[in-house]
Structure formats: structure tokens, C-alpha cells
Amino acid sequence: PPDFTQQLAGLSREIAGWLARPRAEVL
């Protein structure tokens, strides 16, 4: 599909957002 790469890039950004959150260890 034409937007296939954009969909994967969006999914990657969502995961990166979770990775940037404060970690459970400090909690």
C-alpha cells in the first residue's frame, strides 16, 4: 500500500514514546 512505510514509521514512533517514559526501576 502507498502508506505502508508511513504506517510502520508511526508504529515505531509510538513504541519510541513508551521507551522514553520514566522507567519502573526508579519507581
mmCIF file of all heavy atoms, coordinates in Angstrom:
data_MODEL
# 
_entry.id   MODEL 
# 
loop_
_atom_site.group_PDB 
_atom_site.id 
_atom_site.type_symbol 
_atom_site.label_atom_id 
_atom_site.label_alt_id 
_atom_site.label_comp_id 
_atom_site.label_asym_id 
_atom_site.label_entity_id 
_atom_site.label_seq_id 
_atom_site.pdbx_PDB_ins_code 
_atom_site.Cartn_x 
_atom_site.Cartn_y 
_atom_site.Cartn_z 
_atom_site.occupancy 
_atom_site.B_iso_or_equiv 
_atom_site.pdbx_formal_charge 
_atom_site.auth_seq_id 
_atom_site.auth_comp_id 
_atom_site.auth_asym_id 
_atom_site.auth_atom_id 
_atom_site.pdbx_PDB_model_num 
ATOM 1   N N   . PRO A 1 1  ? 0.835  -1.208 0.000  1.00 0.00 ? 1  PRO A N   1 
ATOM 2   C CA  . PRO A 1 1  ? 0.000  0.000  0.000  1.00 0.00 ? 1  PRO A CA  1 
ATOM 3   C C   . PRO A 1 1  ? 0.874  1.265  0.000  1.00 0.00 ? 1  PRO A C   1 
ATOM 4   O O   . PRO A 1 1  ? 1.983  1.263  0.538  1.00 0.00 ? 1  PRO A O   1 
ATOM 5   C CB  . PRO A 1 1  ? -0.791 -0.125 1.307  1.00 0.00 ? 1  PRO A CB  1 
ATOM 6   C CG  . PRO A 1 1  ? -0.796 -1.585 1.605  1.00 0.00 ? 1  PRO A CG  1 
ATOM 7   C CD  . PRO A 1 1  ? 0.510  -2.119 1.101  1.00 0.00 ? 1  PRO A CD  1 
ATOM 8   N N   . PRO A 1 2  ? 0.389  2.354  -0.573 1.00 0.00 ? 2  PRO A N   1 
ATOM 9   C CA  . PRO A 1 2  ? 1.198  3.579  -0.650 1.00 0.00 ? 2  PRO A CA  1 
ATOM 10  C C   . PRO A 1 2  ? 1.656  4.121  0.703  1.00 0.00 ? 2  PRO A C   1 
ATOM 11  O O   . PRO A 1 2  ? 2.739  4.690  0.810  1.00 0.00 ? 2  PRO A O   1 
ATOM 12  C CB  . PRO A 1 2  ? 0.258  4.576  -1.349 1.00 0.00 ? 2  PRO A CB  1 
ATOM 13  C CG  . PRO A 1 2  ? -0.746 3.730  -2.059 1.00 0.00 ? 2  PRO A CG  1 
ATOM 14  C CD  . PRO A 1 2  ? -0.917 2.497  -1.234 1.00 0.00 ? 2  PRO A CD  1 
ATOM 15  N N   . ASP A 1 3  ? 0.832  3.943  1.716  1.00 0.00 ? 3  ASP A N   1 
ATOM 16  C CA  . ASP A 1 3  ? 1.172  4.493  3.037  1.00 0.00 ? 3  ASP A CA  1 
ATOM 17  C C   . ASP A 1 3  ? 1.818  3.436  3.943  1.00 0.00 ? 3  ASP A C   1 
ATOM 18  O O   . ASP A 1 3  ? 1.884  3.625  5.166  1.00 0.00 ? 3  ASP A O   1 
ATOM 19  C CB  . ASP A 1 3  ? -0.062 5.067  3.714  1.00 0.00 ? 3  ASP A CB  1 
ATOM 20  C CG  . ASP A 1 3  ? -1.137 4.002  3.966  1.00 0.00 ? 3  ASP A CG  1 
ATOM 21  O OD1 . ASP A 1 3  ? -1.056 2.912  3.354  1.00 0.00 ? 3  ASP A OD1 1 
ATOM 22  O OD2 . ASP A 1 3  ? -2.042 4.271  4.769  1.00 0.00 ? 3  ASP A OD2 1 
ATOM 23  N N   . PHE A 1 4  ? 2.296  2.346  3.375  1.00 0.00 ? 4  PHE A N   1 
ATOM 24  C CA  . PHE A 1 4  ? 2.830  1.245  4.177  1.00 0.00 ? 4  PHE A CA  1 
ATOM 25  C C   . PHE A 1 4  ? 4.010  1.709  5.036  1.00 0.00 ? 4  PHE A C   1 
ATOM 26  O O   . PHE A 1 4  ? 4.060  1.456  6.244  1.00 0.00 ? 4  PHE A O   1 
ATOM 27  C CB  . PHE A 1 4  ? 3.270  0.099  3.258  1.00 0.00 ? 4  PHE A CB  1 
ATOM 28  C CG  . PHE A 1 4  ? 3.778  -1.108 3.989  1.00 0.00 ? 4  PHE A CG  1 
ATOM 29  C CD1 . PHE A 1 4  ? 2.908  -2.050 4.499  1.00 0.00 ? 4  PHE A CD1 1 
ATOM 30  C CD2 . PHE A 1 4  ? 5.136  -1.301 4.186  1.00 0.00 ? 4  PHE A CD2 1 
ATOM 31  C CE1 . PHE A 1 4  ? 3.363  -3.159 5.184  1.00 0.00 ? 4  PHE A CE1 1 
ATOM 32  C CE2 . PHE A 1 4  ? 5.612  -2.405 4.872  1.00 0.00 ? 4  PHE A CE2 1 
ATOM 33  C CZ  . PHE A 1 4  ? 4.716  -3.341 5.371  1.00 0.00 ? 4  PHE A CZ  1 
ATOM 34  N N   . THR A 1 5  ? 4.959  2.395  4.438  1.00 0.00 ? 5  THR A N   1 
ATOM 35  C CA  . THR A 1 5  ? 6.134  2.856  5.183  1.00 0.00 ? 5  THR A CA  1 
ATOM 36  C C   . THR A 1 5  ? 5.750  3.845  6.272  1.00 0.00 ? 5  THR A C   1 
ATOM 37  O O   . THR A 1 5  ? 6.280  3.803  7.390  1.00 0.00 ? 5  THR A O   1 
ATOM 38  C CB  . THR A 1 5  ? 7.158  3.495  4.237  1.00 0.00 ? 5  THR A CB  1 
ATOM 39  O OG1 . THR A 1 5  ? 7.557  2.531  3.257  1.00 0.00 ? 5  THR A OG1 1 
ATOM 40  C CG2 . THR A 1 5  ? 8.396  3.964  4.997  1.00 0.00 ? 5  THR A CG2 1 
ATOM 41  N N   . GLN A 1 6  ? 4.791  4.729  5.967  1.00 0.00 ? 6  GLN A N   1 
ATOM 42  C CA  . GLN A 1 6  ? 4.354  5.701  6.960  1.00 0.00 ? 6  GLN A CA  1 
ATOM 43  C C   . GLN A 1 6  ? 3.696  5.007  8.162  1.00 0.00 ? 6  GLN A C   1 
ATOM 44  O O   . GLN A 1 6  ? 3.863  5.433  9.313  1.00 0.00 ? 6  GLN A O   1 
ATOM 45  C CB  . GLN A 1 6  ? 3.371  6.701  6.337  1.00 0.00 ? 6  GLN A CB  1 
ATOM 46  C CG  . GLN A 1 6  ? 4.013  7.699  5.382  1.00 0.00 ? 6  GLN A CG  1 
ATOM 47  C CD  . GLN A 1 6  ? 4.279  7.106  4.010  1.00 0.00 ? 6  GLN A CD  1 
ATOM 48  O OE1 . GLN A 1 6  ? 3.939  5.951  3.757  1.00 0.00 ? 6  GLN A OE1 1 
ATOM 49  N NE2 . GLN A 1 6  ? 4.897  7.892  3.134  1.00 0.00 ? 6  GLN A NE2 1 
ATOM 50  N N   . GLN A 1 7  ? 2.951  3.927  7.895  1.00 0.00 ? 7  GLN A N   1 
ATOM 51  C CA  . GLN A 1 7  ? 2.322  3.191  8.988  1.00 0.00 ? 7  GLN A CA  1 
ATOM 52  C C   . GLN A 1 7  ? 3.367  2.547  9.896  1.00 0.00 ? 7  GLN A C   1 
ATOM 53  O O   . GLN A 1 7  ? 3.259  2.606  11.125 1.00 0.00 ? 7  GLN A O   1 
ATOM 54  C CB  . GLN A 1 7  ? 1.399  2.115  8.420  1.00 0.00 ? 7  GLN A CB  1 
ATOM 55  C CG  . GLN A 1 7  ? 0.139  2.657  7.750  1.00 0.00 ? 7  GLN A CG  1 
ATOM 56  C CD  . GLN A 1 7  ? -0.743 1.547  7.206  1.00 0.00 ? 7  GLN A CD  1 
ATOM 57  O OE1 . GLN A 1 7  ? -0.554 0.381  7.532  1.00 0.00 ? 7  GLN A OE1 1 
ATOM 58  N NE2 . GLN A 1 7  ? -1.709 1.909  6.376  1.00 0.00 ? 7  GLN A NE2 1 
ATOM 59  N N   . LEU A 1 8  ? 4.394  1.959  9.289  1.00 0.00 ? 8  LEU A N   1 
ATOM 60  C CA  . LEU A 1 8  ? 5.466  1.362  10.088 1.00 0.00 ? 8  LEU A CA  1 
ATOM 61  C C   . LEU A 1 8  ? 6.209  2.431  10.878 1.00 0.00 ? 8  LEU A C   1 
ATOM 62  O O   . LEU A 1 8  ? 6.558  2.226  12.044 1.00 0.00 ? 8  LEU A O   1 
ATOM 63  C CB  . LEU A 1 8  ? 6.448  0.603  9.193  1.00 0.00 ? 8  LEU A CB  1 
ATOM 64  C CG  . LEU A 1 8  ? 5.984  -0.725 8.599  1.00 0.00 ? 8  LEU A CG  1 
ATOM 65  C CD1 . LEU A 1 8  ? 7.140  -1.407 7.882  1.00 0.00 ? 8  LEU A CD1 1 
ATOM 66  C CD2 . LEU A 1 8  ? 5.426  -1.640 9.675  1.00 0.00 ? 8  LEU A CD2 1 
ATOM 67  N N   . ALA A 1 9  ? 6.468  3.570  10.249 1.00 0.00 ? 9  ALA A N   1 
ATOM 68  C CA  . ALA A 1 9  ? 7.179  4.653  10.937 1.00 0.00 ? 9  ALA A CA  1 
ATOM 69  C C   . ALA A 1 9  ? 6.350  5.169  12.111 1.00 0.00 ? 9  ALA A C   1 
ATOM 70  O O   . ALA A 1 9  ? 6.883  5.479  13.189 1.00 0.00 ? 9  ALA A O   1 
ATOM 71  C CB  . ALA A 1 9  ? 7.484  5.779  9.964  1.00 0.00 ? 9  ALA A CB  1 
ATOM 72  N N   . GLY A 1 10 ? 5.025  5.256  11.941 1.00 0.00 ? 10 GLY A N   1 
ATOM 73  C CA  . GLY A 1 10 ? 4.166  5.690  13.034 1.00 0.00 ? 10 GLY A CA  1 
ATOM 74  C C   . GLY A 1 10 ? 4.172  4.708  14.186 1.00 0.00 ? 10 GLY A C   1 
ATOM 75  O O   . GLY A 1 10 ? 4.208  5.103  15.359 1.00 0.00 ? 10 GLY A O   1 
ATOM 76  N N   . LEU A 1 11 ? 4.154  3.416  13.852 1.00 0.00 ? 11 LEU A N   1 
ATOM 77  C CA  . LEU A 1 11 ? 4.223  2.390  14.882 1.00 0.00 ? 11 LEU A CA  1 
ATOM 78  C C   . LEU A 1 11 ? 5.542  2.474  15.636 1.00 0.00 ? 11 LEU A C   1 
ATOM 79  O O   . LEU A 1 11 ? 5.586  2.372  16.870 1.00 0.00 ? 11 LEU A O   1 
ATOM 80  C CB  . LEU A 1 11 ? 4.059  1.011  14.243 1.00 0.00 ? 11 LEU A CB  1 
ATOM 81  C CG  . LEU A 1 11 ? 4.063  -0.209 15.167 1.00 0.00 ? 11 LEU A CG  1 
ATOM 82  C CD1 . LEU A 1 11 ? 3.000  -0.075 16.247 1.00 0.00 ? 11 LEU A CD1 1 
ATOM 83  C CD2 . LEU A 1 11 ? 3.840  -1.482 14.353 1.00 0.00 ? 11 LEU A CD2 1 
ATOM 84  N N   . SER A 1 12 ? 6.616  2.697  14.906 1.00 0.00 ? 12 SER A N   1 
ATOM 85  C CA  . SER A 1 12 ? 7.941  2.833  15.534 1.00 0.00 ? 12 SER A CA  1 
ATOM 86  C C   . SER A 1 12 ? 7.977  4.031  16.472 1.00 0.00 ? 12 SER A C   1 
ATOM 87  O O   . SER A 1 12 ? 8.531  3.954  17.574 1.00 0.00 ? 12 SER A O   1 
ATOM 88  C CB  . SER A 1 12 ? 9.019  2.966  14.449 1.00 0.00 ? 12 SER A CB  1 
ATOM 89  O OG  . SER A 1 12 ? 10.293 3.135  15.020 1.00 0.00 ? 12 SER A OG  1 
ATOM 90  N N   . ARG A 1 13 ? 7.364  5.132  16.075 1.00 0.00 ? 13 ARG A N   1 
ATOM 91  C CA  . ARG A 1 13 ? 7.345  6.330  16.928 1.00 0.00 ? 13 ARG A CA  1 
ATOM 92  C C   . ARG A 1 13 ? 6.540  6.091  18.201 1.00 0.00 ? 13 ARG A C   1 
ATOM 93  O O   . ARG A 1 13 ? 6.906  6.567  19.278 1.00 0.00 ? 13 ARG A O   1 
ATOM 94  C CB  . ARG A 1 13 ? 6.774  7.519  16.154 1.00 0.00 ? 13 ARG A CB  1 
ATOM 95  C CG  . ARG A 1 13 ? 7.730  8.115  15.123 1.00 0.00 ? 13 ARG A CG  1 
ATOM 96  C CD  . ARG A 1 13 ? 7.218  9.461  14.618 1.00 0.00 ? 13 ARG A CD  1 
ATOM 97  N NE  . ARG A 1 13 ? 5.935  9.339  13.956 1.00 0.00 ? 13 ARG A NE  1 
ATOM 98  C CZ  . ARG A 1 13 ? 5.773  9.099  12.657 1.00 0.00 ? 13 ARG A CZ  1 
ATOM 99  N NH1 . ARG A 1 13 ? 6.850  8.936  11.889 1.00 0.00 ? 13 ARG A NH1 1 
ATOM 100 N NH2 . ARG A 1 13 ? 4.576  9.022  12.114 1.00 0.00 ? 13 ARG A NH2 1 
ATOM 101 N N   . GLU A 1 14 ? 5.436  5.365  18.087 1.00 0.00 ? 14 GLU A N   1 
ATOM 102 C CA  . GLU A 1 14 ? 4.630  5.063  19.285 1.00 0.00 ? 14 GLU A CA  1 
ATOM 103 C C   . GLU A 1 14 ? 5.445  4.269  20.300 1.00 0.00 ? 14 GLU A C   1 
ATOM 104 O O   . GLU A 1 14 ? 5.426  4.550  21.505 1.00 0.00 ? 14 GLU A O   1 
ATOM 105 C CB  . GLU A 1 14 ? 3.382  4.278  18.884 1.00 0.00 ? 14 GLU A CB  1 
ATOM 106 C CG  . GLU A 1 14 ? 2.328  5.097  18.168 1.00 0.00 ? 14 GLU A CG  1 
ATOM 107 C CD  . GLU A 1 14 ? 1.109  4.255  17.837 1.00 0.00 ? 14 GLU A CD  1 
ATOM 108 O OE1 . GLU A 1 14 ? 0.796  3.333  18.617 1.00 0.00 ? 14 GLU A OE1 1 
ATOM 109 O OE2 . GLU A 1 14 ? 0.472  4.516  16.795 1.00 0.00 ? 14 GLU A OE2 1 
ATOM 110 N N   . ILE A 1 15 ? 6.155  3.274  19.808 1.00 0.00 ? 15 ILE A N   1 
ATOM 111 C CA  . ILE A 1 15 ? 6.981  2.462  20.710 1.00 0.00 ? 15 ILE A CA  1 
ATOM 112 C C   . ILE A 1 15 ? 8.095  3.302  21.304 1.00 0.00 ? 15 ILE A C   1 
ATOM 113 O O   . ILE A 1 15 ? 8.405  3.205  22.500 1.00 0.00 ? 15 ILE A O   1 
ATOM 114 C CB  . ILE A 1 15 ? 7.550  1.242  19.959 1.00 0.00 ? 15 ILE A CB  1 
ATOM 115 C CG1 . ILE A 1 15 ? 6.407  0.338  19.491 1.00 0.00 ? 15 ILE A CG1 1 
ATOM 116 C CG2 . ILE A 1 15 ? 8.515  0.458  20.843 1.00 0.00 ? 15 ILE A CG2 1 
ATOM 117 C CD1 . ILE A 1 15 ? 6.848  -0.808 18.606 1.00 0.00 ? 15 ILE A CD1 1 
ATOM 118 N N   . ALA A 1 16 ? 8.702  4.164  20.489 1.00 0.00 ? 16 ALA A N   1 
ATOM 119 C CA  . ALA A 1 16 ? 9.765  5.040  20.986 1.00 0.00 ? 16 ALA A CA  1 
ATOM 120 C C   . ALA A 1 16 ? 9.246  5.947  22.091 1.00 0.00 ? 16 ALA A C   1 
ATOM 121 O O   . ALA A 1 16 ? 9.964  6.265  23.051 1.00 0.00 ? 16 ALA A O   1 
ATOM 122 C CB  . ALA A 1 16 ? 10.345 5.863  19.840 1.00 0.00 ? 16 ALA A CB  1 
ATOM 123 N N   . GLY A 1 17 ? 7.989  6.370  21.974 1.00 0.00 ? 17 GLY A N   1 
ATOM 124 C CA  . GLY A 1 17 ? 7.400  7.190  23.021 1.00 0.00 ? 17 GLY A CA  1 
ATOM 125 C C   . GLY A 1 17 ? 7.304  6.441  24.340 1.00 0.00 ? 17 GLY A C   1 
ATOM 126 O O   . GLY A 1 17 ? 7.559  7.003  25.410 1.00 0.00 ? 17 GLY A O   1 
ATOM 127 N N   . TRP A 1 18 ? 6.953  5.167  24.298 1.00 0.00 ? 18 TRP A N   1 
ATOM 128 C CA  . TRP A 1 18 ? 6.925  4.356  25.518 1.00 0.00 ? 18 TRP A CA  1 
ATOM 129 C C   . TRP A 1 18 ? 8.331  4.153  26.069 1.00 0.00 ? 18 TRP A C   1 
ATOM 130 O O   . TRP A 1 18 ? 8.540  4.172  27.292 1.00 0.00 ? 18 TRP A O   1 
ATOM 131 C CB  . TRP A 1 18 ? 6.280  2.997  25.225 1.00 0.00 ? 18 TRP A CB  1 
ATOM 132 C CG  . TRP A 1 18 ? 4.789  3.013  25.359 1.00 0.00 ? 18 TRP A CG  1 
ATOM 133 C CD1 . TRP A 1 18 ? 3.892  3.607  24.506 1.00 0.00 ? 18 TRP A CD1 1 
ATOM 134 C CD2 . TRP A 1 18 ? 4.011  2.431  26.404 1.00 0.00 ? 18 TRP A CD2 1 
ATOM 135 N NE1 . TRP A 1 18 ? 2.615  3.426  24.963 1.00 0.00 ? 18 TRP A NE1 1 
ATOM 136 C CE2 . TRP A 1 18 ? 2.644  2.700  26.116 1.00 0.00 ? 18 TRP A CE2 1 
ATOM 137 C CE3 . TRP A 1 18 ? 4.317  1.692  27.532 1.00 0.00 ? 18 TRP A CE3 1 
ATOM 138 C CZ2 . TRP A 1 18 ? 1.609  2.265  26.942 1.00 0.00 ? 18 TRP A CZ2 1 
ATOM 139 C CZ3 . TRP A 1 18 ? 3.284  1.250  28.362 1.00 0.00 ? 18 TRP A CZ3 1 
ATOM 140 C CH2 . TRP A 1 18 ? 1.951  1.543  28.056 1.00 0.00 ? 18 TRP A CH2 1 
ATOM 141 N N   . LEU A 1 19 ? 9.299  3.972  25.188 1.00 0.00 ? 19 LEU A N   1 
ATOM 142 C CA  . LEU A 1 19 ? 10.675 3.773  25.639 1.00 0.00 ? 19 LEU A CA  1 
ATOM 143 C C   . LEU A 1 19 ? 11.236 5.018  26.320 1.00 0.00 ? 19 LEU A C   1 
ATOM 144 O O   . LEU A 1 19 ? 12.125 4.923  27.163 1.00 0.00 ? 19 LEU A O   1 
ATOM 145 C CB  . LEU A 1 19 ? 11.568 3.385  24.453 1.00 0.00 ? 19 LEU A CB  1 
ATOM 146 C CG  . LEU A 1 19 ? 11.299 2.004  23.844 1.00 0.00 ? 19 LEU A CG  1 
ATOM 147 C CD1 . LEU A 1 19 ? 12.101 1.833  22.557 1.00 0.00 ? 19 LEU A CD1 1 
ATOM 148 C CD2 . LEU A 1 19 ? 11.654 0.903  24.842 1.00 0.00 ? 19 LEU A CD2 1 
ATOM 149 N N   . ALA A 1 20 ? 10.713 6.182  25.953 1.00 0.00 ? 20 ALA A N   1 
ATOM 150 C CA  . ALA A 1 20 ? 11.197 7.436  26.534 1.00 0.00 ? 20 ALA A CA  1 
ATOM 151 C C   . ALA A 1 20 ? 10.570 7.731  27.896 1.00 0.00 ? 20 ALA A C   1 
ATOM 152 O O   . ALA A 1 20 ? 11.006 8.654  28.585 1.00 0.00 ? 20 ALA A O   1 
ATOM 153 C CB  . ALA A 1 20 ? 10.914 8.595  25.579 1.00 0.00 ? 20 ALA A CB  1 
ATOM 154 N N   . ARG A 1 21 ? 9.581  6.963  28.294 1.00 0.00 ? 21 ARG A N   1 
ATOM 155 C CA  . ARG A 1 21 ? 8.936  7.199  29.584 1.00 0.00 ? 21 ARG A CA  1 
ATOM 156 C C   . ARG A 1 21 ? 9.889  6.875  30.734 1.00 0.00 ? 21 ARG A C   1 
ATOM 157 O O   . ARG A 1 21 ? 10.828 6.084  30.579 1.00 0.00 ? 21 ARG A O   1 
ATOM 158 C CB  . ARG A 1 21 ? 7.700  6.303  29.722 1.00 0.00 ? 21 ARG A CB  1 
ATOM 159 C CG  . ARG A 1 21 ? 6.520  6.675  28.865 1.00 0.00 ? 21 ARG A CG  1 
ATOM 160 C CD  . ARG A 1 21 ? 5.364  5.733  29.170 1.00 0.00 ? 21 ARG A CD  1 
ATOM 161 N NE  . ARG A 1 21 ? 4.147  6.083  28.446 1.00 0.00 ? 21 ARG A NE  1 
ATOM 162 C CZ  . ARG A 1 21 ? 2.979  5.513  28.657 1.00 0.00 ? 21 ARG A CZ  1 
ATOM 163 N NH1 . ARG A 1 21 ? 2.868  4.552  29.570 1.00 0.00 ? 21 ARG A NH1 1 
ATOM 164 N NH2 . ARG A 1 21 ? 1.914  5.872  27.966 1.00 0.00 ? 21 ARG A NH2 1 
ATOM 165 N N   . PRO A 1 22 ? 9.645  7.462  31.904 1.00 0.00 ? 22 PRO A N   1 
ATOM 166 C CA  . PRO A 1 22 ? 10.426 7.064  33.088 1.00 0.00 ? 22 PRO A CA  1 
ATOM 167 C C   . PRO A 1 22 ? 10.281 5.580  33.351 1.00 0.00 ? 22 PRO A C   1 
ATOM 168 O O   . PRO A 1 22 ? 9.214  4.998  33.148 1.00 0.00 ? 22 PRO A O   1 
ATOM 169 C CB  . PRO A 1 22 ? 9.793  7.899  34.212 1.00 0.00 ? 22 PRO A CB  1 
ATOM 170 C CG  . PRO A 1 22 ? 9.187  9.078  33.519 1.00 0.00 ? 22 PRO A CG  1 
ATOM 171 C CD  . PRO A 1 22 ? 8.710  8.564  32.196 1.00 0.00 ? 22 PRO A CD  1 
ATOM 172 N N   . ARG A 1 23 ? 11.355 4.966  33.797 1.00 0.00 ? 23 ARG A N   1 
ATOM 173 C CA  . ARG A 1 23 ? 11.403 3.515  33.963 1.00 0.00 ? 23 ARG A CA  1 
ATOM 174 C C   . ARG A 1 23 ? 10.818 3.071  35.305 1.00 0.00 ? 23 ARG A C   1 
ATOM 175 O O   . ARG A 1 23 ? 10.721 3.846  36.265 1.00 0.00 ? 23 ARG A O   1 
ATOM 176 C CB  . ARG A 1 23 ? 12.849 3.049  33.858 1.00 0.00 ? 23 ARG A CB  1 
ATOM 177 C CG  . ARG A 1 23 ? 13.476 3.303  32.490 1.00 0.00 ? 23 ARG A CG  1 
ATOM 178 C CD  . ARG A 1 23 ? 13.099 2.215  31.521 1.00 0.00 ? 23 ARG A CD  1 
ATOM 179 N NE  . ARG A 1 23 ? 13.681 0.961  31.969 1.00 0.00 ? 23 ARG A NE  1 
ATOM 180 C CZ  . ARG A 1 23 ? 14.941 0.607  31.736 1.00 0.00 ? 23 ARG A CZ  1 
ATOM 181 N NH1 . ARG A 1 23 ? 15.750 1.419  31.060 1.00 0.00 ? 23 ARG A NH1 1 
ATOM 182 N NH2 . ARG A 1 23 ? 15.399 -0.546 32.166 1.00 0.00 ? 23 ARG A NH2 1 
ATOM 183 N N   . ALA A 1 24 ? 10.472 1.788  35.359 1.00 0.00 ? 24 ALA A N   1 
ATOM 184 C CA  . ALA A 1 24 ? 9.901  1.228  36.581 1.00 0.00 ? 24 ALA A CA  1 
ATOM 185 C C   . ALA A 1 24 ? 10.929 1.133  37.696 1.00 0.00 ? 24 ALA A C   1 
ATOM 186 O O   . ALA A 1 24 ? 10.574 1.180  38.873 1.00 0.00 ? 24 ALA A O   1 
ATOM 187 C CB  . ALA A 1 24 ? 9.319  -0.151 36.288 1.00 0.00 ? 24 ALA A CB  1 
ATOM 188 N N   . GLU A 1 25 ? 12.223 1.003  37.341 1.00 0.00 ? 25 GLU A N   1 
ATOM 189 C CA  . GLU A 1 25 ? 13.249 0.820  38.370 1.00 0.00 ? 25 GLU A CA  1 
ATOM 190 C C   . GLU A 1 25 ? 13.321 2.003  39.321 1.00 0.00 ? 25 GLU A C   1 
ATOM 191 O O   . GLU A 1 25 ? 13.445 1.824  40.545 1.00 0.00 ? 25 GLU A O   1 
ATOM 192 C CB  . GLU A 1 25 ? 14.612 0.584  37.719 1.00 0.00 ? 25 GLU A CB  1 
ATOM 193 C CG  . GLU A 1 25 ? 14.824 -0.811 37.169 1.00 0.00 ? 25 GLU A CG  1 
ATOM 194 C CD  . GLU A 1 25 ? 14.015 -1.073 35.897 1.00 0.00 ? 25 GLU A CD  1 
ATOM 195 O OE1 . GLU A 1 25 ? 13.706 -0.104 35.175 1.00 0.00 ? 25 GLU A OE1 1 
ATOM 196 O OE2 . GLU A 1 25 ? 13.693 -2.245 35.640 1.00 0.00 ? 25 GLU A OE2 1 
ATOM 197 N N   . VAL A 1 26 ? 13.250 3.229  38.781 1.00 0.00 ? 26 VAL A N   1 
ATOM 198 C CA  . VAL A 1 26 ? 13.323 4.394  39.665 1.00 0.00 ? 26 VAL A CA  1 
ATOM 199 C C   . VAL A 1 26 ? 12.089 4.464  40.551 1.00 0.00 ? 26 VAL A C   1 
ATOM 200 O O   . VAL A 1 26 ? 12.147 4.949  41.683 1.00 0.00 ? 26 VAL A O   1 
ATOM 201 C CB  . VAL A 1 26 ? 13.491 5.695  38.845 1.00 0.00 ? 26 VAL A CB  1 
ATOM 202 C CG1 . VAL A 1 26 ? 12.263 6.028  38.030 1.00 0.00 ? 26 VAL A CG1 1 
ATOM 203 C CG2 . VAL A 1 26 ? 13.838 6.871  39.750 1.00 0.00 ? 26 VAL A CG2 1 
ATOM 204 N N   . LEU A 1 27 ? 10.968 3.926  40.067 1.00 0.00 ? 27 LEU A N   1 
ATOM 205 C CA  . LEU A 1 27 ? 9.746  3.901  40.865 1.00 0.00 ? 27 LEU A CA  1 
ATOM 206 C C   . LEU A 1 27 ? 9.866  2.867  41.981 1.00 0.00 ? 27 LEU A C   1 
ATOM 207 O O   . LEU A 1 27 ? 9.443  3.095  43.113 1.00 0.00 ? 27 LEU A O   1 
ATOM 208 C CB  . LEU A 1 27 ? 8.557  3.580  39.968 1.00 0.00 ? 27 LEU A CB  1 
ATOM 209 C CG  . LEU A 1 27 ? 7.171  3.665  40.599 1.00 0.00 ? 27 LEU A CG  1 
ATOM 210 C CD1 . LEU A 1 27 ? 6.893  5.074  41.093 1.00 0.00 ? 27 LEU A CD1 1 
ATOM 211 C CD2 . LEU A 1 27 ? 6.107  3.245  39.590 1.00 0.00 ? 27 LEU A CD2 1 
# 
